[in-house]
């Protein structure tokens, strides 16, 4: 090690080579620095938005399923109940845009005295990002429920099909044809 340090001190070309190498490493680190957070690259925001939509859909559906299971489980002689909800689409979010609109009107008078008016409108829209680099939402629409499956372990004598179907229909505001009820004995 001492020989290497002595050789490094004595050899000017080696000093220059090491300094240039260090400088190149620093420049490559600067060039690889992620500037999307500074410049607001919107393709990354769109990816975050899509992933957020999937998470929101899953938690929305799971929350509805859990609430239905709790409510239907309170029916007399109901031993257990499982609910599965199917949605057609993911939630739709309409982002807030920063819009710049400019109107321009040009009136042209031809040599024969006829006038021609040309109106043009230029519109520039840019998605507004919040402080956490997330898309700011203006409106939010939950996905449409297209089907419900209820699997119940019922030990009573009532017509539980009608009770369950009407309960789900009323709570979720869907058609009876979109509800399937299966009775089973889960031991």
C-alpha atoms as a PDB file:
ATOM      1  CA  UNK A   1       0.000   0.000   0.000  1.00  0.00           C
ATOM      2  CA  UNK A   2       2.863   2.348   0.850  1.00  0.00           C
ATOM      3  CA  UNK A   3       4.441   1.616  -2.550  1.00  0.00           C
ATOM      4  CA  UNK A   4       1.184   2.519  -4.311  1.00  0.00           C
ATOM      5  CA  UNK A   5       0.883   5.838  -2.412  1.00  0.00           C
ATOM      6  CA  UNK A   6       4.538   6.676  -3.173  1.00  0.00           C
ATOM      7  CA  UNK A   7       4.046   5.821  -6.857  1.00  0.00           C
ATOM      8  CA  UNK A   8       0.853   7.929  -6.929  1.00  0.00           C
ATOM      9  CA  UNK A   9       2.694  10.960  -5.438  1.00  0.00           C
ATOM     10  CA  UNK A  10       5.601  10.658  -7.868  1.00  0.00           C
ATOM     11  CA  UNK A  11       3.656   9.989 -11.092  1.00  0.00           C
ATOM     12  CA  UNK A  12       1.845  13.104 -12.418  1.00  0.00           C
ATOM     13  CA  UNK A  13       0.132  11.180 -15.242  1.00  0.00           C
ATOM     14  CA  UNK A  14      -1.402   8.784 -12.717  1.00  0.00           C
ATOM     15  CA  UNK A  15      -2.682  11.768 -10.687  1.00  0.00           C
ATOM     16  CA  UNK A  16      -4.324  13.233 -13.793  1.00  0.00           C
ATOM     17  CA  UNK A  17      -5.824   9.867 -14.750  1.00  0.00           C
ATOM     18  CA  UNK A  18      -7.332   9.355 -11.269  1.00  0.00           C
ATOM     19  CA  UNK A  19      -8.676  12.928 -11.186  1.00  0.00           C
ATOM     20  CA  UNK A  20     -10.285  12.506 -14.616  1.00  0.00           C
ATOM     21  CA  UNK A  21     -11.771   9.174 -13.512  1.00  0.00           C
ATOM     22  CA  UNK A  22     -13.275  10.788 -10.397  1.00  0.00           C
ATOM     23  CA  UNK A  23     -14.630  13.657 -12.507  1.00  0.00           C
ATOM     24  CA  UNK A  24     -16.229  11.211 -14.973  1.00  0.00           C
ATOM     25  CA  UNK A  25     -17.873   9.312 -12.108  1.00  0.00           C
ATOM     26  CA  UNK A  26     -19.323  12.556 -10.719  1.00  0.00           C
ATOM     27  CA  UNK A  27     -20.596  13.620 -14.157  1.00  0.00           C
ATOM     28  CA  UNK A  28     -22.210  10.218 -14.747  1.00  0.00           C
ATOM     29  CA  UNK A  29     -23.961  10.437 -11.372  1.00  0.00           C
ATOM     30  CA  UNK A  30     -25.286  13.886 -12.247  1.00  0.00           C
ATOM     31  CA  UNK A  31     -26.538  12.711 -15.647  1.00  0.00           C
ATOM     32  CA  UNK A  32     -28.276   9.693 -14.089  1.00  0.00           C
ATOM     33  CA  UNK A  33     -29.985  11.851 -11.455  1.00  0.00           C
ATOM     34  CA  UNK A  34     -33.791  11.449 -11.607  1.00  0.00           C
ATOM     35  CA  UNK A  35     -35.125  14.859 -12.623  1.00  0.00           C
ATOM     36  CA  UNK A  36     -38.767  13.788 -13.075  1.00  0.00           C
ATOM     37  CA  UNK A  37     -39.605  15.002  -9.584  1.00  0.00           C
ATOM     38  CA  UNK A  38     -38.229  18.415 -10.423  1.00  0.00           C
ATOM     39  CA  UNK A  39     -39.643  18.787 -13.940  1.00  0.00           C
ATOM     40  CA  UNK A  40     -43.001  17.099 -13.242  1.00  0.00           C
ATOM     41  CA  UNK A  41     -42.877  14.323 -15.851  1.00  0.00           C
ATOM     42  CA  UNK A  42     -46.545  13.488 -16.398  1.00  0.00           C
ATOM     43  CA  UNK A  43     -46.027   9.982 -17.755  1.00  0.00           C
ATOM     44  CA  UNK A  44     -44.843   8.951 -14.286  1.00  0.00           C
ATOM     45  CA  UNK A  45     -47.871  10.671 -12.747  1.00  0.00           C
ATOM     46  CA  UNK A  46     -50.128   8.660 -15.070  1.00  0.00           C
ATOM     47  CA  UNK A  47     -48.507   5.409 -13.918  1.00  0.00           C
ATOM     48  CA  UNK A  48     -49.036   6.389 -10.293  1.00  0.00           C
ATOM     49  CA  UNK A  49     -52.637   7.316 -11.122  1.00  0.00           C
ATOM     50  CA  UNK A  50     -53.351   3.918 -12.757  1.00  0.00           C
ATOM     51  CA  UNK A  51     -51.879   2.015  -9.798  1.00  0.00           C
ATOM     52  CA  UNK A  52     -53.844   4.196  -7.393  1.00  0.00           C
ATOM     53  CA  UNK A  53     -57.053   3.421  -9.307  1.00  0.00           C
ATOM     54  CA  UNK A  54     -56.504  -0.321  -8.929  1.00  0.00           C
ATOM     55  CA  UNK A  55     -55.882   0.040  -5.196  1.00  0.00           C
ATOM     56  CA  UNK A  56     -58.954   2.245  -4.767  1.00  0.00           C
ATOM     57  CA  UNK A  57     -61.138  -0.243  -6.681  1.00  0.00           C
ATOM     58  CA  UNK A  58     -59.922  -3.173  -4.591  1.00  0.00           C
ATOM     59  CA  UNK A  59     -60.443  -1.394  -1.278  1.00  0.00           C
ATOM     60  CA  UNK A  60     -63.851  -0.065  -2.393  1.00  0.00           C
ATOM     61  CA  UNK A  61     -65.085  -3.542  -3.397  1.00  0.00           C
ATOM     62  CA  UNK A  62     -63.617  -5.227  -0.298  1.00  0.00           C
ATOM     63  CA  UNK A  63     -65.224  -2.645   1.957  1.00  0.00           C
ATOM     64  CA  UNK A  64     -68.638  -3.199   0.313  1.00  0.00           C
ATOM     65  CA  UNK A  65     -68.256  -6.981   0.573  1.00  0.00           C
ATOM     66  CA  UNK A  66     -67.361  -6.779   4.260  1.00  0.00           C
ATOM     67  CA  UNK A  67     -70.281  -4.468   5.051  1.00  0.00           C
ATOM     68  CA  UNK A  68     -72.737  -6.740   3.202  1.00  0.00           C
ATOM     69  CA  UNK A  69     -71.416  -9.819   5.015  1.00  0.00           C
ATOM     70  CA  UNK A  70     -71.864  -8.057   8.375  1.00  0.00           C
ATOM     71  CA  UNK A  71     -75.433  -6.955   7.585  1.00  0.00           C
ATOM     72  CA  UNK A  72     -76.572 -10.253   6.057  1.00  0.00           C
ATOM     73  CA  UNK A  73     -74.892 -12.181   8.876  1.00  0.00           C
ATOM     74  CA  UNK A  74     -77.317 -10.587  11.332  1.00  0.00           C
ATOM     75  CA  UNK A  75     -80.299 -12.403   9.781  1.00  0.00           C
ATOM     76  CA  UNK A  76     -81.807 -14.889  12.221  1.00  0.00           C
ATOM     77  CA  UNK A  77     -80.546 -18.489  11.735  1.00  0.00           C
ATOM     78  CA  UNK A  78     -77.751 -17.292   9.386  1.00  0.00           C
ATOM     79  CA  UNK A  79     -74.630 -19.253  10.359  1.00  0.00           C
ATOM     80  CA  UNK A  80     -72.228 -17.637   7.878  1.00  0.00           C
ATOM     81  CA  UNK A  81     -72.293 -15.596   4.708  1.00  0.00           C
ATOM     82  CA  UNK A  82     -69.679 -14.730   2.065  1.00  0.00           C
ATOM     83  CA  UNK A  83     -70.166 -12.033  -0.549  1.00  0.00           C
ATOM     84  CA  UNK A  84     -68.278 -11.358  -3.765  1.00  0.00           C
ATOM     85  CA  UNK A  85     -68.879  -8.195  -5.789  1.00  0.00           C
ATOM     86  CA  UNK A  86     -67.838  -7.777  -9.415  1.00  0.00           C
ATOM     87  CA  UNK A  87     -67.405  -4.338 -10.984  1.00  0.00           C
ATOM     88  CA  UNK A  88     -67.294  -3.515 -14.695  1.00  0.00           C
ATOM     89  CA  UNK A  89     -64.727  -0.747 -14.691  1.00  0.00           C
ATOM     90  CA  UNK A  90     -62.154   0.865 -12.520  1.00  0.00           C
ATOM     91  CA  UNK A  91     -63.058   4.140 -10.834  1.00  0.00           C
ATOM     92  CA  UNK A  92     -62.883   7.187 -13.024  1.00  0.00           C
ATOM     93  CA  UNK A  93     -61.154  10.296 -11.898  1.00  0.00           C
ATOM     94  CA  UNK A  94     -61.230  13.595 -13.697  1.00  0.00           C
ATOM     95  CA  UNK A  95     -58.021  15.475 -12.946  1.00  0.00           C
ATOM     96  CA  UNK A  96     -57.768  19.222 -12.422  1.00  0.00           C
ATOM     97  CA  UNK A  97     -56.156  20.982 -15.377  1.00  0.00           C
ATOM     98  CA  UNK A  98     -54.327  24.263 -15.441  1.00  0.00           C
ATOM     99  CA  UNK A  99     -55.775  25.721 -18.648  1.00  0.00           C
ATOM    100  CA  UNK A 100     -54.608  28.679 -20.644  1.00  0.00           C
ATOM    101  CA  UNK A 101     -57.016  29.864 -23.321  1.00  0.00           C
ATOM    102  CA  UNK A 102     -56.161  32.589 -25.781  1.00  0.00           C
ATOM    103  CA  UNK A 103     -58.540  33.958 -28.388  1.00  0.00           C
ATOM    104  CA  UNK A 104     -57.397  35.795 -31.473  1.00  0.00           C
ATOM    105  CA  UNK A 105     -59.527  37.552 -34.055  1.00  0.00           C
ATOM    106  CA  UNK A 106     -58.144  38.737 -37.395  1.00  0.00           C
ATOM    107  CA  UNK A 107     -60.172  40.919 -39.745  1.00  0.00           C
ATOM    108  CA  UNK A 108     -58.962  40.925 -43.311  1.00  0.00           C
ATOM    109  CA  UNK A 109     -60.194  43.421 -45.868  1.00  0.00           C
ATOM    110  CA  UNK A 110     -59.672  42.395 -49.478  1.00  0.00           C
ATOM    111  CA  UNK A 111     -58.947  44.862 -52.280  1.00  0.00           C
ATOM    112  CA  UNK A 112     -62.540  44.578 -53.498  1.00  0.00           C
ATOM    113  CA  UNK A 113     -63.847  45.720 -50.081  1.00  0.00           C
ATOM    114  CA  UNK A 114     -65.026  42.374 -48.704  1.00  0.00           C
ATOM    115  CA  UNK A 115     -64.273  41.641 -45.110  1.00  0.00           C
ATOM    116  CA  UNK A 116     -63.289  38.303 -43.715  1.00  0.00           C
ATOM    117  CA  UNK A 117     -63.094  37.628 -40.003  1.00  0.00           C
ATOM    118  CA  UNK A 118     -60.932  34.744 -38.762  1.00  0.00           C
ATOM    119  CA  UNK A 119     -61.302  33.659 -35.138  1.00  0.00           C
ATOM    120  CA  UNK A 120     -58.906  31.226 -33.530  1.00  0.00           C
ATOM    121  CA  UNK A 121     -58.746  29.811 -30.051  1.00  0.00           C
ATOM    122  CA  UNK A 122     -55.674  28.224 -28.541  1.00  0.00           C
ATOM    123  CA  UNK A 123     -56.083  26.021 -25.506  1.00  0.00           C
ATOM    124  CA  UNK A 124     -53.229  24.597 -23.432  1.00  0.00           C
ATOM    125  CA  UNK A 125     -53.976  22.135 -20.634  1.00  0.00           C
ATOM    126  CA  UNK A 126     -51.596  20.764 -18.067  1.00  0.00           C
ATOM    127  CA  UNK A 127     -52.481  18.326 -15.269  1.00  0.00           C
ATOM    128  CA  UNK A 128     -52.114  19.862 -11.811  1.00  0.00           C
ATOM    129  CA  UNK A 129     -49.957  17.856  -9.415  1.00  0.00           C
ATOM    130  CA  UNK A 130     -50.194  18.205  -5.646  1.00  0.00           C
ATOM    131  CA  UNK A 131     -47.315  18.563  -3.225  1.00  0.00           C
ATOM    132  CA  UNK A 132     -46.813  14.790  -3.071  1.00  0.00           C
ATOM    133  CA  UNK A 133     -46.527  14.594  -6.889  1.00  0.00           C
ATOM    134  CA  UNK A 134     -50.006  13.012  -7.133  1.00  0.00           C
ATOM    135  CA  UNK A 135     -52.665  14.098  -9.626  1.00  0.00           C
ATOM    136  CA  UNK A 136     -55.175  16.495  -8.044  1.00  0.00           C
ATOM    137  CA  UNK A 137     -58.709  15.163  -8.612  1.00  0.00           C
ATOM    138  CA  UNK A 138     -61.754  17.232  -9.442  1.00  0.00           C
ATOM    139  CA  UNK A 139     -64.442  14.559  -9.494  1.00  0.00           C
ATOM    140  CA  UNK A 140     -64.489  10.886  -8.672  1.00  0.00           C
ATOM    141  CA  UNK A 141     -66.925   8.225  -9.826  1.00  0.00           C
ATOM    142  CA  UNK A 142     -67.002   4.766  -8.264  1.00  0.00           C
ATOM    143  CA  UNK A 143     -67.197   1.747 -10.579  1.00  0.00           C
ATOM    144  CA  UNK A 144     -70.533   0.268 -11.572  1.00  0.00           C
ATOM    145  CA  UNK A 145     -71.416  -2.961  -9.786  1.00  0.00           C
ATOM    146  CA  UNK A 146     -72.329  -5.581 -12.356  1.00  0.00           C
ATOM    147  CA  UNK A 147     -72.727  -8.719 -10.261  1.00  0.00           C
ATOM    148  CA  UNK A 148     -72.997 -10.034  -6.716  1.00  0.00           C
ATOM    149  CA  UNK A 149     -72.545 -13.586  -5.491  1.00  0.00           C
ATOM    150  CA  UNK A 150     -73.820 -14.506  -2.024  1.00  0.00           C
ATOM    151  CA  UNK A 151     -72.924 -17.874  -0.507  1.00  0.00           C
ATOM    152  CA  UNK A 152     -74.874 -18.406   2.703  1.00  0.00           C
ATOM    153  CA  UNK A 153     -75.148 -21.106   5.343  1.00  0.00           C
ATOM    154  CA  UNK A 154     -78.750 -20.660   6.468  1.00  0.00           C
ATOM    155  CA  UNK A 155     -80.485 -23.047   8.878  1.00  0.00           C
ATOM    156  CA  UNK A 156     -83.915 -21.418   9.094  1.00  0.00           C
ATOM    157  CA  UNK A 157     -87.276 -22.094   7.474  1.00  0.00           C
ATOM    158  CA  UNK A 158     -87.865 -18.701   5.751  1.00  0.00           C
ATOM    159  CA  UNK A 159     -87.566 -18.197   2.006  1.00  0.00           C
ATOM    160  CA  UNK A 160     -84.056 -16.836   2.399  1.00  0.00           C
ATOM    161  CA  UNK A 161     -83.544 -16.426  -1.370  1.00  0.00           C
ATOM    162  CA  UNK A 162     -86.056 -13.584  -1.527  1.00  0.00           C
ATOM    163  CA  UNK A 163     -84.764 -11.963   1.663  1.00  0.00           C
ATOM    164  CA  UNK A 164     -81.128 -12.021   0.502  1.00  0.00           C
ATOM    165  CA  UNK A 165     -81.896 -10.971  -3.089  1.00  0.00           C
ATOM    166  CA  UNK A 166     -84.063  -8.042  -2.014  1.00  0.00           C
ATOM    167  CA  UNK A 167     -81.541  -6.960   0.612  1.00  0.00           C
ATOM    168  CA  UNK A 168     -78.644  -6.906  -1.862  1.00  0.00           C
ATOM    169  CA  UNK A 169     -80.820  -5.262  -4.531  1.00  0.00           C
ATOM    170  CA  UNK A 170     -81.852  -2.508  -2.141  1.00  0.00           C
ATOM    171  CA  UNK A 171     -78.420  -1.901  -0.630  1.00  0.00           C
ATOM    172  CA  UNK A 172     -76.486  -1.816  -3.911  1.00  0.00           C
ATOM    173  CA  UNK A 173     -79.239  -0.569  -6.234  1.00  0.00           C
ATOM    174  CA  UNK A 174     -78.707  -3.311  -8.827  1.00  0.00           C
ATOM    175  CA  UNK A 175     -81.047  -5.583 -10.805  1.00  0.00           C
ATOM    176  CA  UNK A 176     -82.208  -8.923  -9.406  1.00  0.00           C
ATOM    177  CA  UNK A 177     -80.747 -10.652 -12.471  1.00  0.00           C
ATOM    178  CA  UNK A 178     -77.279  -9.490 -11.366  1.00  0.00           C
ATOM    179  CA  UNK A 179     -77.551 -11.277  -7.993  1.00  0.00           C
ATOM    180  CA  UNK A 180     -76.757 -14.962  -7.515  1.00  0.00           C
ATOM    181  CA  UNK A 181     -77.515 -16.666  -4.206  1.00  0.00           C
ATOM    182  CA  UNK A 182     -76.142 -20.078  -3.262  1.00  0.00           C
ATOM    183  CA  UNK A 183     -77.147 -21.876  -0.075  1.00  0.00           C
ATOM    184  CA  UNK A 184     -74.660 -24.315   1.338  1.00  0.00           C
ATOM    185  CA  UNK A 185     -73.996 -26.018   4.616  1.00  0.00           C
ATOM    186  CA  UNK A 186     -70.572 -24.963   5.826  1.00  0.00           C
ATOM    187  CA  UNK A 187     -69.651 -27.077   8.850  1.00  0.00           C
END
